[in-house]
Amino acid sequence: MTAFTEPNNLKDFLVWEQERGYSREEVTLTGTAVKLAQVVGKVTASGKHAAFNQDGSDGTETAAGIAIANYDASAADVRGVVIARDAIITASNLVWPADIDAGEIAAALATLKTLGIIVREES
């Protein structure tokens, strides 16, 4: 018997969203590949979004949304969609930087909460 592993999909982290046209926002992603469920920040100088970097100093250190698909912006900027406001998520499948600690995750989730992106308690 062959076992198959299904890749993560949107419903693995997104529990509920306000109407798609309200919770989601089309953005320009820059700098690197961004994965489905990866938290993103907004580069202050350009207004473009990039992978969240808790150690950054360019705006990406502030959580600004969550990518709803995989986007490869490593060679050039690409358009993508993020959950930007009014949604309920589960945090267990979110994608974070490898060197982030629990306190930094909690701070980023608190920032997302100010956007109306609320973490549902997992059971």
PDB file of N, CA and C in Angstrom:
ATOM      1  N   MET A   1       0.844  -1.166   0.000  1.00  0.00           N
ATOM      2  CA  MET A   1       0.000   0.000   0.000  1.00  0.00           C
ATOM      3  C   MET A   1       0.900   1.243   0.000  1.00  0.00           C
ATOM      4  N   THR A   2       0.570   2.186  -0.838  1.00  0.00           N
ATOM      5  CA  THR A   2       1.315   3.436  -0.925  1.00  0.00           C
ATOM      6  C   THR A   2       0.597   4.509  -0.132  1.00  0.00           C
ATOM      7  N   ALA A   3       1.334   5.178   0.722  1.00  0.00           N
ATOM      8  CA  ALA A   3       0.758   6.273   1.511  1.00  0.00           C
ATOM      9  C   ALA A   3       1.046   7.590   0.804  1.00  0.00           C
ATOM     10  N   PHE A   4       0.064   8.436   0.744  1.00  0.00           N
ATOM     11  CA  PHE A   4       0.208   9.742   0.136  1.00  0.00           C
ATOM     12  C   PHE A   4       0.037  10.808   1.200  1.00  0.00           C
ATOM     13  N   THR A   5       0.814  11.855   1.087  1.00  0.00           N
ATOM     14  CA  THR A   5       0.687  12.981   2.006  1.00  0.00           C
ATOM     15  C   THR A   5       0.163  14.168   1.226  1.00  0.00           C
ATOM     16  N   GLU A   6      -0.973  14.659   1.656  1.00  0.00           N
ATOM     17  CA  GLU A   6      -1.573  15.810   0.993  1.00  0.00           C
ATOM     18  C   GLU A   6      -0.874  17.077   1.478  1.00  0.00           C
ATOM     19  N   PRO A   7      -0.480  17.956   0.566  1.00  0.00           N
ATOM     20  CA  PRO A   7       0.125  19.212   1.011  1.00  0.00           C
ATOM     21  C   PRO A   7      -0.905  20.080   1.732  1.00  0.00           C
ATOM     22  N   ASN A   8      -0.401  21.008   2.541  1.00  0.00           N
ATOM     23  CA  ASN A   8      -1.310  21.925   3.218  1.00  0.00           C
ATOM     24  C   ASN A   8      -2.130  22.706   2.206  1.00  0.00           C
ATOM     25  N   ASN A   9      -3.311  23.107   2.626  1.00  0.00           N
ATOM     26  CA  ASN A   9      -4.145  23.955   1.788  1.00  0.00           C
ATOM     27  C   ASN A   9      -4.710  25.077   2.658  1.00  0.00           C
ATOM     28  N   LEU A  10      -5.438  25.964   2.052  1.00  0.00           N
ATOM     29  CA  LEU A  10      -5.942  27.152   2.721  1.00  0.00           C
ATOM     30  C   LEU A  10      -6.715  26.827   3.995  1.00  0.00           C
ATOM     31  N   LYS A  11      -7.532  25.807   3.954  1.00  0.00           N
ATOM     32  CA  LYS A  11      -8.364  25.460   5.109  1.00  0.00           C
ATOM     33  C   LYS A  11      -7.560  24.862   6.267  1.00  0.00           C
ATOM     34  N   ASP A  12      -6.284  24.584   6.050  1.00  0.00           N
ATOM     35  CA  ASP A  12      -5.451  24.094   7.144  1.00  0.00           C
ATOM     36  C   ASP A  12      -5.108  25.186   8.151  1.00  0.00           C
ATOM     37  N   PHE A  13      -5.249  26.446   7.764  1.00  0.00           N
ATOM     38  CA  PHE A  13      -5.036  27.523   8.731  1.00  0.00           C
ATOM     39  C   PHE A  13      -6.187  28.520   8.781  1.00  0.00           C
ATOM     40  N   LEU A  14      -6.954  28.639   7.714  1.00  0.00           N
ATOM     41  CA  LEU A  14      -8.033  29.617   7.660  1.00  0.00           C
ATOM     42  C   LEU A  14      -9.350  28.971   8.080  1.00  0.00           C
ATOM     43  N   VAL A  15      -9.852  29.377   9.236  1.00  0.00           N
ATOM     44  CA  VAL A  15     -11.096  28.820   9.769  1.00  0.00           C
ATOM     45  C   VAL A  15     -12.296  29.582   9.218  1.00  0.00           C
ATOM     46  N   TRP A  16     -12.188  30.906   9.184  1.00  0.00           N
ATOM     47  CA  TRP A  16     -13.287  31.761   8.737  1.00  0.00           C
ATOM     48  C   TRP A  16     -12.708  33.062   8.238  1.00  0.00           C
ATOM     49  N   GLU A  17     -13.369  33.639   7.247  1.00  0.00           N
ATOM     50  CA  GLU A  17     -13.006  34.978   6.791  1.00  0.00           C
ATOM     51  C   GLU A  17     -14.265  35.745   6.458  1.00  0.00           C
ATOM     52  N   GLN A  18     -14.192  37.050   6.627  1.00  0.00           N
ATOM     53  CA  GLN A  18     -15.255  37.926   6.162  1.00  0.00           C
ATOM     54  C   GLN A  18     -15.315  37.744   4.647  1.00  0.00           C
ATOM     55  N   GLU A  19     -16.183  38.352   3.970  1.00  0.00           N
ATOM     56  CA  GLU A  19     -16.256  38.188   2.516  1.00  0.00           C
ATOM     57  C   GLU A  19     -14.867  38.287   1.899  1.00  0.00           C
ATOM     58  N   ARG A  20     -14.608  37.438   0.904  1.00  0.00           N
ATOM     59  CA  ARG A  20     -13.279  37.375   0.294  1.00  0.00           C
ATOM     60  C   ARG A  20     -12.758  38.731  -0.154  1.00  0.00           C
ATOM     61  N   GLY A  21     -13.619  39.528  -0.690  1.00  0.00           N
ATOM     62  CA  GLY A  21     -13.198  40.843  -1.158  1.00  0.00           C
ATOM     63  C   GLY A  21     -12.823  41.791  -0.036  1.00  0.00           C
ATOM     64  N   TYR A  22     -13.147  41.422   1.196  1.00  0.00           N
ATOM     65  CA  TYR A  22     -12.812  42.266   2.337  1.00  0.00           C
ATOM     66  C   TYR A  22     -11.609  41.729   3.119  1.00  0.00           C
ATOM     67  N   SER A  23     -11.606  40.449   3.429  1.00  0.00           N
ATOM     68  CA  SER A  23     -10.514  39.876   4.209  1.00  0.00           C
ATOM     69  C   SER A  23      -9.223  39.748   3.415  1.00  0.00           C
ATOM     70  N   ARG A  24      -9.358  39.522   2.124  1.00  0.00           N
ATOM     71  CA  ARG A  24      -8.182  39.307   1.275  1.00  0.00           C
ATOM     72  C   ARG A  24      -7.771  40.601   0.600  1.00  0.00           C
ATOM     73  N   GLU A  25      -6.474  40.688   0.355  1.00  0.00           N
ATOM     74  CA  GLU A  25      -5.942  41.872  -0.317  1.00  0.00           C
ATOM     75  C   GLU A  25      -4.891  41.435  -1.330  1.00  0.00           C
ATOM     76  N   GLU A  26      -4.982  41.957  -2.535  1.00  0.00           N
ATOM     77  CA  GLU A  26      -3.953  41.696  -3.536  1.00  0.00           C
ATOM     78  C   GLU A  26      -2.769  42.601  -3.246  1.00  0.00           C
ATOM     79  N   VAL A  27      -1.574  42.007  -3.201  1.00  0.00           N
ATOM     80  CA  VAL A  27      -0.366  42.743  -2.859  1.00  0.00           C
ATOM     81  C   VAL A  27       0.754  42.379  -3.824  1.00  0.00           C
ATOM     82  N   THR A  28       1.825  43.144  -3.775  1.00  0.00           N
ATOM     83  CA  THR A  28       3.050  42.800  -4.497  1.00  0.00           C
ATOM     84  C   THR A  28       4.010  42.188  -3.491  1.00  0.00           C
ATOM     85  N   LEU A  29       4.480  40.984  -3.800  1.00  0.00           N
ATOM     86  CA  LEU A  29       5.453  40.296  -2.952  1.00  0.00           C
ATOM     87  C   LEU A  29       6.836  40.468  -3.555  1.00  0.00           C
ATOM     88  N   THR A  30       7.824  40.613  -2.697  1.00  0.00           N
ATOM     89  CA  THR A  30       9.170  40.913  -3.157  1.00  0.00           C
ATOM     90  C   THR A  30      10.209  40.156  -2.345  1.00  0.00           C
ATOM     91  N   GLY A  31      11.340  39.897  -2.959  1.00  0.00           N
ATOM     92  CA  GLY A  31      12.519  39.446  -2.231  1.00  0.00           C
ATOM     93  C   GLY A  31      12.796  37.972  -2.133  1.00  0.00           C
ATOM     94  N   THR A  32      11.800  37.148  -1.967  1.00  0.00           N
ATOM     95  CA  THR A  32      12.028  35.722  -1.751  1.00  0.00           C
ATOM     96  C   THR A  32      10.742  34.942  -2.020  1.00  0.00           C
ATOM     97  N   ALA A  33      10.842  33.651  -1.953  1.00  0.00           N
ATOM     98  CA  ALA A  33       9.645  32.821  -2.072  1.00  0.00           C
ATOM     99  C   ALA A  33       8.847  32.919  -0.774  1.00  0.00           C
ATOM    100  N   VAL A  34       7.536  32.961  -0.909  1.00  0.00           N
ATOM    101  CA  VAL A  34       6.624  32.985   0.228  1.00  0.00           C
ATOM    102  C   VAL A  34       5.707  31.781   0.076  1.00  0.00           C
ATOM    103  N   LYS A  35       5.533  31.060   1.162  1.00  0.00           N
ATOM    104  CA  LYS A  35       4.739  29.838   1.129  1.00  0.00           C
ATOM    105  C   LYS A  35       3.314  30.076   1.600  1.00  0.00           C
ATOM    106  N   LEU A  36       2.429  29.183   1.211  1.00  0.00           N
ATOM    107  CA  LEU A  36       1.067  29.161   1.743  1.00  0.00           C
ATOM    108  C   LEU A  36       1.139  29.184   3.260  1.00  0.00           C
ATOM    109  N   ALA A  37       0.360  30.043   3.881  1.00  0.00           N
ATOM    110  CA  ALA A  37       0.255  30.180   5.340  1.00  0.00           C
ATOM    111  C   ALA A  37       1.454  30.884   5.968  1.00  0.00           C
ATOM    112  N   GLN A  38       2.311  31.473   5.146  1.00  0.00           N
ATOM    113  CA  GLN A  38       3.452  32.208   5.704  1.00  0.00           C
ATOM    114  C   GLN A  38       3.018  33.612   6.100  1.00  0.00           C
ATOM    115  N   VAL A  39       3.420  34.010   7.279  1.00  0.00           N
ATOM    116  CA  VAL A  39       3.144  35.364   7.751  1.00  0.00           C
ATOM    117  C   VAL A  39       4.046  36.316   6.980  1.00  0.00           C
ATOM    118  N   VAL A  40       3.480  37.438   6.552  1.00  0.00           N
ATOM    119  CA  VAL A  40       4.239  38.429   5.783  1.00  0.00           C
ATOM    120  C   VAL A  40       4.217  39.773   6.503  1.00  0.00           C
ATOM    121  N   GLY A  41       5.201  40.578   6.177  1.00  0.00           N
ATOM    122  CA  GLY A  41       5.268  41.947   6.657  1.00  0.00           C
ATOM    123  C   GLY A  41       5.263  42.877   5.460  1.00  0.00           C
ATOM    124  N   LYS A  42       5.155  44.169   5.713  1.00  0.00           N
ATOM    125  CA  LYS A  42       5.091  45.158   4.641  1.00  0.00           C
ATOM    126  C   LYS A  42       6.345  46.032   4.694  1.00  0.00           C
ATOM    127  N   VAL A  43       7.099  46.042   3.602  1.00  0.00           N
ATOM    128  CA  VAL A  43       8.315  46.845   3.519  1.00  0.00           C
ATOM    129  C   VAL A  43       7.917  48.319   3.523  1.00  0.00           C
ATOM    130  N   THR A  44       8.399  49.048   4.506  1.00  0.00           N
ATOM    131  CA  THR A  44       8.003  50.443   4.691  1.00  0.00           C
ATOM    132  C   THR A  44       8.328  51.306   3.476  1.00  0.00           C
ATOM    133  N   ALA A  45       9.521  51.163   2.933  1.00  0.00           N
ATOM    134  CA  ALA A  45       9.980  52.040   1.843  1.00  0.00           C
ATOM    135  C   ALA A  45       9.209  51.834   0.547  1.00  0.00           C
ATOM    136  N   SER A  46       8.796  50.592   0.258  1.00  0.00           N
ATOM    137  CA  SER A  46       8.175  50.301  -1.037  1.00  0.00           C
ATOM    138  C   SER A  46       6.685  50.008  -0.965  1.00  0.00           C
ATOM    139  N   GLY A  47       6.184  49.631   0.223  1.00  0.00           N
ATOM    140  CA  GLY A  47       4.792  49.217   0.345  1.00  0.00           C
ATOM    141  C   GLY A  47       4.555  47.797  -0.137  1.00  0.00           C
ATOM    142  N   LYS A  48       5.624  47.101  -0.547  1.00  0.00           N
ATOM    143  CA  LYS A  48       5.506  45.709  -0.994  1.00  0.00           C
ATOM    144  C   LYS A  48       5.575  44.786   0.219  1.00  0.00           C
ATOM    145  N   HIS A  49       5.066  43.589   0.052  1.00  0.00           N
ATOM    146  CA  HIS A  49       5.060  42.606   1.128  1.00  0.00           C
ATOM    147  C   HIS A  49       6.191  41.602   0.916  1.00  0.00           C
ATOM    148  N   ALA A  50       6.694  41.080   2.023  1.00  0.00           N
ATOM    149  CA  ALA A  50       7.764  40.082   1.997  1.00  0.00           C
ATOM    150  C   ALA A  50       7.589  39.176   3.202  1.00  0.00           C
ATOM    151  N   ALA A  51       8.340  38.096   3.217  1.00  0.00           N
ATOM    152  CA  ALA A  51       8.273  37.171   4.342  1.00  0.00           C
ATOM    153  C   ALA A  51       8.529  37.919   5.647  1.00  0.00           C
ATOM    154  N   PHE A  52       7.737  37.604   6.660  1.00  0.00           N
ATOM    155  CA  PHE A  52       7.903  38.186   7.987  1.00  0.00           C
ATOM    156  C   PHE A  52       9.304  37.884   8.495  1.00  0.00           C
ATOM    157  N   ASN A  53       9.951  38.893   9.077  1.00  0.00           N
ATOM    158  CA  ASN A  53      11.285  38.737   9.640  1.00  0.00           C
ATOM    159  C   ASN A  53      11.326  39.467  10.969  1.00  0.00           C
ATOM    160  N   GLN A  54      11.199  38.719  12.047  1.00  0.00           N
ATOM    161  CA  GLN A  54      11.145  39.322  13.374  1.00  0.00           C
ATOM    162  C   GLN A  54      12.397  40.123  13.717  1.00  0.00           C
ATOM    163  N   ASP A  55      13.498  39.890  13.016  1.00  0.00           N
ATOM    164  CA  ASP A  55      14.743  40.619  13.260  1.00  0.00           C
ATOM    165  C   ASP A  55      14.952  41.754  12.258  1.00  0.00           C
ATOM    166  N   GLY A  56      13.981  41.984  11.395  1.00  0.00           N
ATOM    167  CA  GLY A  56      14.111  43.014  10.362  1.00  0.00           C
ATOM    168  C   GLY A  56      14.025  44.419  10.932  1.00  0.00           C
ATOM    169  N   SER A  57      14.344  45.380  10.071  1.00  0.00           N
ATOM    170  CA  SER A  57      14.211  46.794  10.443  1.00  0.00           C
ATOM    171  C   SER A  57      13.674  47.593   9.264  1.00  0.00           C
ATOM    172  N   ASP A  58      13.027  46.882   8.338  1.00  0.00           N
ATOM    173  CA  ASP A  58      12.514  47.513   7.118  1.00  0.00           C
ATOM    174  C   ASP A  58      10.991  47.479   7.029  1.00  0.00           C
ATOM    175  N   GLY A  59      10.342  47.081   8.096  1.00  0.00           N
ATOM    176  CA  GLY A  59       8.888  46.942   8.103  1.00  0.00           C
ATOM    177  C   GLY A  59       8.441  45.495   8.135  1.00  0.00           C
ATOM    178  N   THR A  60       9.282  44.576   7.669  1.00  0.00           N
ATOM    179  CA  THR A  60       8.905  43.158   7.656  1.00  0.00           C
ATOM    180  C   THR A  60       8.883  42.549   9.054  1.00  0.00           C
ATOM    181  N   GLU A  61       9.366  43.303  10.042  1.00  0.00           N
ATOM    182  CA  GLU A  61       9.319  42.827  11.424  1.00  0.00           C
ATOM    183  C   GLU A  61       7.942  42.997  12.054  1.00  0.00           C
ATOM    184  N   THR A  62       7.021  43.597  11.317  1.00  0.00           N
ATOM    185  CA  THR A  62       5.641  43.778  11.776  1.00  0.00           C
ATOM    186  C   THR A  62       4.724  42.920  10.913  1.00  0.00           C
ATOM    187  N   ALA A  63       4.034  41.978  11.522  1.00  0.00           N
ATOM    188  CA  ALA A  63       3.135  41.092  10.777  1.00  0.00           C
ATOM    189  C   ALA A  63       2.026  41.904  10.117  1.00  0.00           C
ATOM    190  N   ALA A  64       1.796  41.658   8.823  1.00  0.00           N
ATOM    191  CA  ALA A  64       0.803  42.423   8.074  1.00  0.00           C
ATOM    192  C   ALA A  64      -0.199  41.547   7.334  1.00  0.00           C
ATOM    193  N   GLY A  65      -0.073  40.231   7.457  1.00  0.00           N
ATOM    194  CA  GLY A  65      -1.002  39.345   6.773  1.00  0.00           C
ATOM    195  C   GLY A  65      -0.435  37.946   6.661  1.00  0.00           C
ATOM    196  N   ILE A  66      -1.179  37.083   5.945  1.00  0.00           N
ATOM    197  CA  ILE A  66      -0.813  35.684   5.768  1.00  0.00           C
ATOM    198  C   ILE A  66      -1.057  35.306   4.315  1.00  0.00           C
ATOM    199  N   ALA A  67      -0.041  34.755   3.665  1.00  0.00           N
ATOM    200  CA  ALA A  67      -0.153  34.362   2.257  1.00  0.00           C
ATOM    201  C   ALA A  67      -1.153  33.223   2.086  1.00  0.00           C
ATOM    202  N   ILE A  68      -1.982  33.294   1.038  1.00  0.00           N
ATOM    203  CA  ILE A  68      -2.981  32.235   0.814  1.00  0.00           C
ATOM    204  C   ILE A  68      -2.541  31.226  -0.245  1.00  0.00           C
ATOM    205  N   ALA A  69      -1.309  31.367  -0.744  1.00  0.00           N
ATOM    206  CA  ALA A  69      -0.777  30.424  -1.730  1.00  0.00           C
ATOM    207  C   ALA A  69       0.744  30.537  -1.712  1.00  0.00           C
ATOM    208  N   ASN A  70       1.401  29.700  -2.506  1.00  0.00           N
ATOM    209  CA  ASN A  70       2.847  29.803  -2.683  1.00  0.00           C
ATOM    210  C   ASN A  70       3.132  30.833  -3.770  1.00  0.00           C
ATOM    211  N   TYR A  71       4.090  31.721  -3.493  1.00  0.00           N
ATOM    212  CA  TYR A  71       4.484  32.746  -4.459  1.00  0.00           C
ATOM    213  C   TYR A  71       6.006  32.807  -4.488  1.00  0.00           C
ATOM    214  N   ASP A  72       6.580  32.814  -5.696  1.00  0.00           N
ATOM    215  CA  ASP A  72       8.037  32.891  -5.804  1.00  0.00           C
ATOM    216  C   ASP A  72       8.445  34.266  -6.302  1.00  0.00           C
ATOM    217  N   ALA A  73       8.866  35.102  -5.367  1.00  0.00           N
ATOM    218  CA  ALA A  73       9.315  36.453  -5.701  1.00  0.00           C
ATOM    219  C   ALA A  73      10.829  36.556  -5.579  1.00  0.00           C
ATOM    220  N   SER A  74      11.532  35.428  -5.666  1.00  0.00           N
ATOM    221  CA  SER A  74      12.985  35.443  -5.502  1.00  0.00           C
ATOM    222  C   SER A  74      13.696  36.076  -6.693  1.00  0.00           C
ATOM    223  N   ALA A  75      13.156  35.947  -7.888  1.00  0.00           N
ATOM    224  CA  ALA A  75      13.793  36.530  -9.072  1.00  0.00           C
ATOM    225  C   ALA A  75      13.195  37.883  -9.443  1.00  0.00           C
ATOM    226  N   ALA A  76      11.927  38.066  -9.168  1.00  0.00           N
ATOM    227  CA  ALA A  76      11.242  39.321  -9.501  1.00  0.00           C
ATOM    228  C   ALA A  76       9.977  39.427  -8.659  1.00  0.00           C
ATOM    229  N   ASP A  77       9.498  40.635  -8.484  1.00  0.00           N
ATOM    230  CA  ASP A  77       8.249  40.850  -7.747  1.00  0.00           C
ATOM    231  C   ASP A  77       7.106  40.101  -8.421  1.00  0.00           C
ATOM    232  N   VAL A  78       6.174  39.602  -7.612  1.00  0.00           N
ATOM    233  CA  VAL A  78       4.981  38.938  -8.135  1.00  0.00           C
ATOM    234  C   VAL A  78       3.761  39.456  -7.383  1.00  0.00           C
ATOM    235  N   ARG A  79       2.618  39.377  -8.029  1.00  0.00           N
ATOM    236  CA  ARG A  79       1.353  39.720  -7.379  1.00  0.00           C
ATOM    237  C   ARG A  79       0.865  38.492  -6.635  1.00  0.00           C
ATOM    238  N   GLY A  80       0.276  38.719  -5.494  1.00  0.00           N
ATOM    239  CA  GLY A  80      -0.245  37.627  -4.694  1.00  0.00           C
ATOM    240  C   GLY A  80      -1.384  38.120  -3.827  1.00  0.00           C
ATOM    241  N   VAL A  81      -1.944  37.224  -3.051  1.00  0.00           N
ATOM    242  CA  VAL A  81      -3.072  37.560  -2.192  1.00  0.00           C
ATOM    243  C   VAL A  81      -2.744  37.133  -0.769  1.00  0.00           C
ATOM    244  N   VAL A  82      -3.077  38.009   0.177  1.00  0.00           N
ATOM    245  CA  VAL A  82      -2.886  37.712   1.588  1.00  0.00           C
ATOM    246  C   VAL A  82      -4.194  37.917   2.338  1.00  0.00           C
ATOM    247  N   ILE A  83      -4.330  37.189   3.440  1.00  0.00           N
ATOM    248  CA  ILE A  83      -5.393  37.491   4.390  1.00  0.00           C
ATOM    249  C   ILE A  83      -4.888  38.710   5.156  1.00  0.00           C
ATOM    250  N   ALA A  84      -5.587  39.824   5.018  1.00  0.00           N
ATOM    251  CA  ALA A  84      -5.114  41.085   5.577  1.00  0.00           C
ATOM    252  C   ALA A  84      -5.952  41.589   6.742  1.00  0.00           C
ATOM    253  N   ARG A  85      -7.148  41.038   6.924  1.00  0.00           N
ATOM    254  CA  ARG A  85      -8.029  41.556   7.979  1.00  0.00           C
ATOM    255  C   ARG A  85      -9.214  40.614   8.182  1.00  0.00           C
ATOM    256  N   ASP A  86      -9.841  40.743   9.320  1.00  0.00           N
ATOM    257  CA  ASP A  86     -11.097  40.067   9.667  1.00  0.00           C
ATOM    258  C   ASP A  86     -11.152  38.599   9.241  1.00  0.00           C
ATOM    259  N   ALA A  87     -10.437  37.787   9.992  1.00  0.00           N
ATOM    260  CA  ALA A  87     -10.434  36.346   9.744  1.00  0.00           C
ATOM    261  C   ALA A  87     -10.144  35.628  11.055  1.00  0.00           C
ATOM    262  N   ILE A  88     -10.444  34.346  11.075  1.00  0.00           N
ATOM    263  CA  ILE A  88     -10.092  33.493  12.201  1.00  0.00           C
ATOM    264  C   ILE A  88      -9.167  32.416  11.657  1.00  0.00           C
ATOM    265  N   ILE A  89      -8.065  32.202  12.352  1.00  0.00           N
ATOM    266  CA  ILE A  89      -7.064  31.236  11.898  1.00  0.00           C
ATOM    267  C   ILE A  89      -6.705  30.281  13.026  1.00  0.00           C
ATOM    268  N   THR A  90      -6.080  29.168  12.655  1.00  0.00           N
ATOM    269  CA  THR A  90      -5.399  28.323  13.626  1.00  0.00           C
ATOM    270  C   THR A  90      -3.911  28.548  13.397  1.00  0.00           C
ATOM    271  N   ALA A  91      -3.171  28.690  14.460  1.00  0.00           N
ATOM    272  CA  ALA A  91      -1.761  29.064  14.346  1.00  0.00           C
ATOM    273  C   ALA A  91      -0.839  27.894  14.036  1.00  0.00           C
ATOM    274  N   SER A  92      -1.288  26.676  14.249  1.00  0.00           N
ATOM    275  CA  SER A  92      -0.385  25.525  14.150  1.00  0.00           C
ATOM    276  C   SER A  92       0.199  25.306  12.757  1.00  0.00           C
ATOM    277  N   ASN A  93      -0.459  25.740  11.716  1.00  0.00           N
ATOM    278  CA  ASN A  93       0.055  25.534  10.361  1.00  0.00           C
ATOM    279  C   ASN A  93       0.635  26.792   9.730  1.00  0.00           C
ATOM    280  N   LEU A  94       0.764  27.859  10.500  1.00  0.00           N
ATOM    281  CA  LEU A  94       1.385  29.057   9.959  1.00  0.00           C
ATOM    282  C   LEU A  94       2.875  28.822   9.741  1.00  0.00           C
ATOM    283  N   VAL A  95       3.431  29.501   8.750  1.00  0.00           N
ATOM    284  CA  VAL A  95       4.855  29.366   8.430  1.00  0.00           C
ATOM    285  C   VAL A  95       5.591  30.583   8.987  1.00  0.00           C
ATOM    286  N   TRP A  96       6.623  30.300   9.788  1.00  0.00           N
ATOM    287  CA  TRP A  96       7.407  31.333  10.452  1.00  0.00           C
ATOM    288  C   TRP A  96       8.883  31.181  10.076  1.00  0.00           C
ATOM    289  N   PRO A  97       9.690  32.207  10.325  1.00  0.00           N
ATOM    290  CA  PRO A  97      11.138  32.061  10.131  1.00  0.00           C
ATOM    291  C   PRO A  97      11.680  30.951  11.039  1.00  0.00           C
ATOM    292  N   ALA A  98      12.723  30.292  10.603  1.00  0.00           N
ATOM    293  CA  ALA A  98      13.281  29.165  11.354  1.00  0.00           C
ATOM    294  C   ALA A  98      13.809  29.580  12.729  1.00  0.00           C
ATOM    295  N   ASP A  99      14.265  30.818  12.859  1.00  0.00           N
ATOM    296  CA  ASP A  99      14.900  31.246  14.111  1.00  0.00           C
ATOM    297  C   ASP A  99      13.971  32.042  15.032  1.00  0.00           C
ATOM    298  N   ILE A 100      12.672  31.956  14.816  1.00  0.00           N
ATOM    299  CA  ILE A 100      11.728  32.704  15.647  1.00  0.00           C
ATOM    300  C   ILE A 100      11.458  31.934  16.942  1.00  0.00           C
ATOM    301  N   ASP A 101      11.244  32.663  18.034  1.00  0.00           N
ATOM    302  CA  ASP A 101      10.940  31.991  19.296  1.00  0.00           C
ATOM    303  C   ASP A 101       9.476  32.220  19.670  1.00  0.00           C
ATOM    304  N   ALA A 102       9.038  31.541  20.719  1.00  0.00           N
ATOM    305  CA  ALA A 102       7.624  31.573  21.111  1.00  0.00           C
ATOM    306  C   ALA A 102       7.157  32.984  21.455  1.00  0.00           C
ATOM    307  N   GLY A 103       7.977  33.766  22.111  1.00  0.00           N
ATOM    308  CA  GLY A 103       7.605  35.142  22.447  1.00  0.00           C
ATOM    309  C   GLY A 103       7.430  36.002  21.213  1.00  0.00           C
ATOM    310  N   GLU A 104       8.292  35.804  20.223  1.00  0.00           N
ATOM    311  CA  GLU A 104       8.188  36.568  18.972  1.00  0.00           C
ATOM    312  C   GLU A 104       6.949  36.163  18.185  1.00  0.00           C
ATOM    313  N   ILE A 105       6.607  34.881  18.218  1.00  0.00           N
ATOM    314  CA  ILE A 105       5.374  34.424  17.577  1.00  0.00           C
ATOM    315  C   ILE A 105       4.169  35.052  18.263  1.00  0.00           C
ATOM    316  N   ALA A 106       4.171  35.042  19.590  1.00  0.00           N
ATOM    317  CA  ALA A 106       3.057  35.635  20.336  1.00  0.00           C
ATOM    318  C   ALA A 106       2.906  37.118  19.999  1.00  0.00           C
ATOM    319  N   ALA A 107       4.011  37.826  19.878  1.00  0.00           N
ATOM    320  CA  ALA A 107       3.959  39.250  19.536  1.00  0.00           C
ATOM    321  C   ALA A 107       3.402  39.450  18.130  1.00  0.00           C
ATOM    322  N   ALA A 108       3.818  38.615  17.184  1.00  0.00           N
ATOM    323  CA  ALA A 108       3.318  38.732  15.812  1.00  0.00           C
ATOM    324  C   ALA A 108       1.828  38.411  15.755  1.00  0.00           C
ATOM    325  N   LEU A 109       1.390  37.394  16.491  1.00  0.00           N
ATOM    326  CA  LEU A 109      -0.035  37.060  16.520  1.00  0.00           C
ATOM    327  C   LEU A 109      -0.841  38.191  17.149  1.00  0.00           C
ATOM    328  N   ALA A 110      -0.275  38.855  18.135  1.00  0.00           N
ATOM    329  CA  ALA A 110      -0.954  40.012  18.743  1.00  0.00           C
ATOM    330  C   ALA A 110      -1.096  41.141  17.727  1.00  0.00           C
ATOM    331  N   THR A 111      -0.082  41.334  16.901  1.00  0.00           N
ATOM    332  CA  THR A 111      -0.164  42.353  15.848  1.00  0.00           C
ATOM    333  C   THR A 111      -1.237  41.979  14.836  1.00  0.00           C
ATOM    334  N   LEU A 112      -1.289  40.706  14.441  1.00  0.00           N
ATOM    335  CA  LEU A 112      -2.338  40.267  13.516  1.00  0.00           C
ATOM    336  C   LEU A 112      -3.722  40.492  14.124  1.00  0.00           C
ATOM    337  N   LYS A 113      -3.836  40.313  15.426  1.00  0.00           N
ATOM    338  CA  LYS A 113      -5.123  40.521  16.092  1.00  0.00           C
ATOM    339  C   LYS A 113      -5.598  41.961  15.933  1.00  0.00           C
ATOM    340  N   THR A 114      -4.673  42.920  15.906  1.00  0.00           N
ATOM    341  CA  THR A 114      -5.068  44.323  15.713  1.00  0.00           C
ATOM    342  C   THR A 114      -5.662  44.538  14.328  1.00  0.00           C
ATOM    343  N   LEU A 115      -5.376  43.627  13.397  1.00  0.00           N
ATOM    344  CA  LEU A 115      -5.944  43.688  12.043  1.00  0.00           C
ATOM    345  C   LEU A 115      -7.261  42.911  11.970  1.00  0.00           C
ATOM    346  N   GLY A 116      -7.661  42.313  13.066  1.00  0.00           N
ATOM    347  CA  GLY A 116      -8.876  41.504  13.086  1.00  0.00           C
ATOM    348  C   GLY A 116      -8.625  40.058  12.718  1.00  0.00           C
ATOM    349  N   ILE A 117      -7.355  39.632  12.669  1.00  0.00           N
ATOM    350  CA  ILE A 117      -7.010  38.248  12.390  1.00  0.00           C
ATOM    351  C   ILE A 117      -6.802  37.571  13.742  1.00  0.00           C
ATOM    352  N   ILE A 118      -7.750  36.741  14.097  1.00  0.00           N
ATOM    353  CA  ILE A 118      -7.820  36.181  15.446  1.00  0.00           C
ATOM    354  C   ILE A 118      -7.452  34.706  15.414  1.00  0.00           C
ATOM    355  N   VAL A 119      -6.666  34.284  16.402  1.00  0.00           N
ATOM    356  CA  VAL A 119      -6.276  32.882  16.516  1.00  0.00           C
ATOM    357  C   VAL A 119      -7.333  32.150  17.311  1.00  0.00           C
ATOM    358  N   ARG A 120      -7.847  31.095  16.722  1.00  0.00           N
ATOM    359  CA  ARG A 120      -8.797  30.217  17.415  1.00  0.00           C
ATOM    360  C   ARG A 120      -8.010  29.245  18.277  1.00  0.00           C
ATOM    361  N   GLU A 121      -8.510  29.017  19.461  1.00  0.00           N
ATOM    362  CA  GLU A 121      -7.878  28.037  20.336  1.00  0.00           C
ATOM    363  C   GLU A 121      -8.011  26.666  19.696  1.00  0.00           C
ATOM    364  N   GLU A 122      -6.915  25.959  19.674  1.00  0.00           N
ATOM    365  CA  GLU A 122      -6.919  24.614  19.091  1.00  0.00           C
ATOM    366  C   GLU A 122      -7.236  23.598  20.167  1.00  0.00           C
ATOM    367  N   SER A 123      -7.933  22.545  19.760  1.00  0.00           N
ATOM    368  CA  SER A 123      -8.285  21.522  20.749  1.00  0.00           C
ATOM    369  C   SER A 123      -7.454  20.280  20.557  1.00  0.00           C
TER     370      SER A 123
END
